[in-house]
Protein backbone atom coordinates (compact mmCIF):
# COMPACT_ATOMS: atom_id res chain seq x y z
CA MET A 1 38.34 4.46 -10.99
CA LEU A 2 36.21 7.48 -10.12
CA ASN A 3 38.26 8.09 -6.97
CA ARG A 4 41.39 8.41 -9.07
CA HIS A 5 39.72 10.69 -11.59
CA PRO A 6 37.96 13.51 -9.76
CA ARG A 7 36.91 15.14 -13.05
CA LEU A 8 35.04 12.01 -14.08
CA MET A 9 33.38 11.93 -10.68
CA LEU A 10 32.36 15.58 -10.99
CA LEU A 11 31.03 14.97 -14.51
CA GLY A 12 29.03 11.99 -13.22
CA LEU A 13 27.52 14.09 -10.43
CA LEU A 14 26.66 16.90 -12.82
CA LEU A 15 24.92 14.46 -15.16
CA ALA A 16 23.11 12.82 -12.25
CA PHE A 17 21.57 16.13 -11.27
CA ALA A 18 20.92 17.40 -14.80
CA GLY A 19 17.47 18.88 -15.11
CA GLN A 20 17.43 20.08 -11.50
CA ALA A 21 17.86 23.80 -11.61
CA PRO A 22 17.82 24.91 -7.97
CA GLY A 23 15.29 27.66 -7.43
CA ALA A 24 14.04 27.52 -11.02
CA GLU A 25 10.30 27.17 -11.44
CA LEU A 26 9.05 24.38 -13.65
CA GLN A 27 6.77 25.61 -16.42
CA ALA A 28 3.13 24.53 -16.30
CA PRO A 29 1.98 22.19 -19.09
CA ASN A 30 0.70 23.79 -22.29
CA LEU A 31 -2.36 21.50 -22.27
CA ASN A 32 -4.61 20.59 -19.34
CA VAL A 33 -3.66 16.92 -18.97
CA LEU A 34 -5.56 16.78 -15.66
CA ALA A 35 -8.81 16.77 -17.68
CA TRP A 36 -7.81 13.72 -19.75
CA PRO A 37 -8.30 10.75 -17.36
CA ARG A 38 -11.73 9.11 -17.82
CA MET A 39 -12.27 11.04 -21.06
CA SER A 40 -13.84 8.91 -23.79
CA SER A 41 -11.69 7.79 -26.71
CA GLY A 42 -13.78 9.90 -29.09
CA GLU A 43 -13.59 13.00 -26.89
CA LEU A 44 -9.81 12.81 -26.47
CA GLY A 45 -9.33 12.01 -30.15
CA CYS A 46 -11.33 15.11 -31.10
CA TYR A 47 -9.47 17.19 -28.49
CA LEU A 48 -6.10 16.12 -29.97
CA GLU A 49 -7.38 16.98 -33.44
CA LYS A 50 -8.57 20.45 -32.40
CA THR A 51 -5.65 21.43 -30.14
CA LEU A 52 -2.67 19.73 -31.80
CA GLY A 53 -3.87 19.17 -35.35
CA HIS A 54 -3.36 15.41 -34.97
CA ARG A 55 -6.21 13.44 -36.53
CA ASP A 56 -6.34 9.83 -35.40
CA PRO A 57 -7.59 7.64 -38.27
CA ARG A 58 -10.53 6.37 -36.19
CA PHE A 59 -10.90 8.41 -32.99
CA ASN A 60 -11.37 11.94 -34.29
CA CYS A 61 -14.00 14.68 -34.43
CA ALA A 62 -15.94 12.85 -37.16
CA LEU A 63 -16.48 9.75 -34.98
CA SER A 64 -20.16 9.01 -34.50
CA HIS A 65 -22.24 6.10 -33.25
CA TYR A 66 -19.23 4.54 -31.51
CA GLN A 67 -20.20 1.77 -29.11
CA ALA A 68 -17.46 1.32 -26.51
CA PRO A 69 -16.89 -2.24 -25.29
CA THR A 70 -18.74 -2.76 -22.01
CA GLY A 71 -16.43 -5.20 -20.26
CA PRO A 72 -13.25 -7.23 -20.58
CA CYS A 73 -15.20 -10.46 -21.27
CA HIS A 74 -16.86 -9.16 -24.45
CA ASP A 75 -15.00 -7.74 -27.43
CA THR A 76 -11.62 -8.39 -25.85
CA ASP A 77 -9.84 -7.13 -28.98
CA ARG A 78 -11.57 -3.75 -28.66
CA TYR A 79 -11.52 -3.39 -24.87
CA ASP A 80 -8.31 -1.33 -24.80
CA GLU A 81 -8.76 0.63 -28.02
CA GLY A 82 -8.36 4.38 -28.19
CA PRO A 83 -6.15 6.96 -29.86
CA ALA A 84 -2.39 6.74 -29.39
CA PHE A 85 -0.44 9.89 -28.64
CA PRO A 86 2.15 10.65 -31.35
CA PRO A 87 5.63 10.91 -29.74
CA ARG A 88 6.54 13.83 -32.03
CA LEU A 89 3.86 15.95 -30.31
CA ALA A 90 4.91 15.26 -26.69
CA SER A 91 6.81 18.55 -26.38
CA ARG A 92 3.59 20.42 -27.27
CA VAL A 93 2.08 19.13 -24.01
CA HIS A 94 5.10 20.33 -22.01
CA PRO A 95 8.49 21.60 -23.26
CA LEU A 96 10.32 18.85 -21.33
CA ALA A 97 7.97 16.04 -22.39
CA THR A 98 9.51 13.18 -24.35
CA ASP A 99 6.58 10.75 -24.28
CA VAL A 100 2.86 10.58 -23.51
CA GLU A 101 1.51 7.07 -22.96
CA LEU A 102 -2.25 6.51 -22.94
CA THR A 103 -3.92 3.40 -21.49
CA TRP A 104 -7.52 2.75 -22.53
CA GLU A 105 -10.23 0.54 -21.05
CA HIS A 106 -13.89 0.23 -22.11
CA GLY A 107 -13.65 3.36 -24.24
CA GLU A 108 -12.25 5.63 -21.50
CA LEU A 109 -8.75 6.81 -20.65
CA GLN A 110 -7.78 4.67 -17.67
CA GLN A 111 -4.30 6.16 -17.21
CA LEU A 112 -1.81 8.52 -18.78
CA THR A 113 1.90 8.72 -18.16
CA LEU A 114 3.82 11.83 -19.16
CA THR A 115 7.62 11.48 -19.24
CA LEU A 116 9.73 14.62 -18.79
CA LYS A 117 13.45 15.09 -19.50
CA GLY A 118 15.57 15.46 -16.37
CA THR A 119 15.42 14.38 -12.78
CA LEU A 120 12.97 16.91 -11.40
CA ASP A 121 11.89 17.75 -7.87
CA ALA A 122 8.49 16.18 -7.12
CA ALA A 123 7.28 19.30 -5.30
CA GLN A 124 8.05 21.46 -8.36
CA VAL A 125 6.28 18.99 -10.63
CA ARG A 126 3.20 18.95 -8.38
CA GLN A 127 3.12 22.75 -8.30
CA ALA A 128 3.56 23.12 -12.07
CA PHE A 129 0.87 20.55 -12.84
CA GLY A 130 -1.57 21.70 -10.14
CA LEU A 131 -1.40 18.47 -8.13
CA PRO A 132 -1.85 18.28 -4.32
CA ASP A 133 1.22 18.40 -2.09
CA THR A 134 0.97 14.81 -0.93
CA GLU A 135 0.71 11.55 -2.84
CA GLY A 136 -1.54 8.73 -1.80
CA SER A 137 -4.99 7.33 -2.12
CA ALA A 138 -6.66 9.97 0.04
CA PRO A 139 -5.76 13.43 -1.31
CA PRO A 140 -6.40 16.47 0.87
CA GLU A 141 -9.67 18.33 0.42
CA GLY A 142 -9.48 20.45 -2.70
CA GLY A 143 -6.82 18.06 -4.03
CA LEU A 144 -7.16 15.93 -7.13
CA PRO A 145 -9.93 16.58 -9.63
CA GLU A 146 -12.85 14.12 -9.46
CA ASN A 147 -11.73 12.36 -12.64
CA ILE A 148 -8.32 11.44 -11.15
CA MET A 149 -8.08 8.65 -8.60
CA THR A 150 -4.31 8.86 -8.04
CA ALA A 151 -1.35 10.91 -9.23
CA HIS A 152 2.18 9.53 -8.95
CA ILE A 153 5.50 11.24 -9.68
CA GLU A 154 8.67 9.20 -10.06
CA SER A 155 12.16 10.33 -11.01
CA SER A 156 14.88 8.20 -12.55
CA PRO A 157 18.32 9.76 -12.05
CA ALA A 158 20.84 10.15 -14.82
CA SER A 159 23.29 7.36 -15.35
CA PRO A 160 26.49 7.88 -13.31
CA LEU A 161 28.40 6.28 -16.19
CA GLY A 162 28.23 9.51 -18.14
CA ASP A 163 26.28 8.18 -21.12
CA GLY A 164 24.65 11.59 -21.58
CA SER A 165 21.25 10.56 -20.24
CA PRO A 166 19.74 13.45 -18.24
CA GLY A 167 17.44 11.12 -16.31
CA SER A 168 13.68 11.42 -16.46
CA THR A 169 10.60 12.16 -14.40
CA SER A 170 7.28 10.46 -15.01
CA ILE A 171 3.87 11.74 -13.99
CA THR A 172 1.17 9.06 -13.92
CA LEU A 173 -2.45 10.12 -13.64
CA THR A 174 -4.88 7.26 -13.01
CA GLY A 175 -8.57 7.80 -13.63
CA PHE A 176 -9.80 4.41 -12.41
CA GLU A 177 -8.52 0.99 -11.36
CA HIS A 178 -7.42 -1.37 -14.12
CA MET A 179 -10.07 -4.00 -14.84
CA GLY A 180 -8.95 -6.66 -17.31
CA ALA A 181 -10.26 -10.14 -18.13
CA GLY A 182 -8.00 -11.59 -15.42
CA ASP A 183 -9.69 -9.40 -12.80
CA VAL A 184 -13.24 -10.63 -13.38
CA GLU A 185 -14.84 -14.02 -13.85
CA CYS A 186 -15.79 -14.42 -17.48
CA ASP A 187 -18.15 -17.27 -18.33
CA ALA A 188 -16.63 -19.71 -20.80
CA GLU A 189 -19.79 -19.49 -22.93
CA GLN A 190 -19.58 -15.70 -23.37
């Protein structure tokens, strides 16, 4: 069908490459998300309150005497607790941001994933966010900050069906390896 309708094919290609402005520089984030991994739930909650005016009901600047769960075998209901990032504030982190997902373990931010509108060039994303030029477990000297174990950039192209989706690019910053109850031996009596 697309071969018989060159305009539909052109429209599909344009949508597939939406968000890729050749030669255009990607803006740096408005907030330093590189500092977030490994931050405590109370620290990040207070940071969100001070910088964005978002006060989490529990994890905010007034939090005191919080005892973070120590391991996945104890307090399993609390092991992954921490503030959630309100979707309505994503664009305050970066103008193209549509979502900020936070993953918590033992009271620290284990991982954050920032989703940007558009299929963006990984090199531009790395430059805008201050990430090293190569991905992998062994960054070059002077690469990732000490609080970030890995940084991964992945683009999902726009749908060629012309549904209006501009595609997306996700930036995942991992502070430390996931360690859940399935990853350790928990005694049945604990």
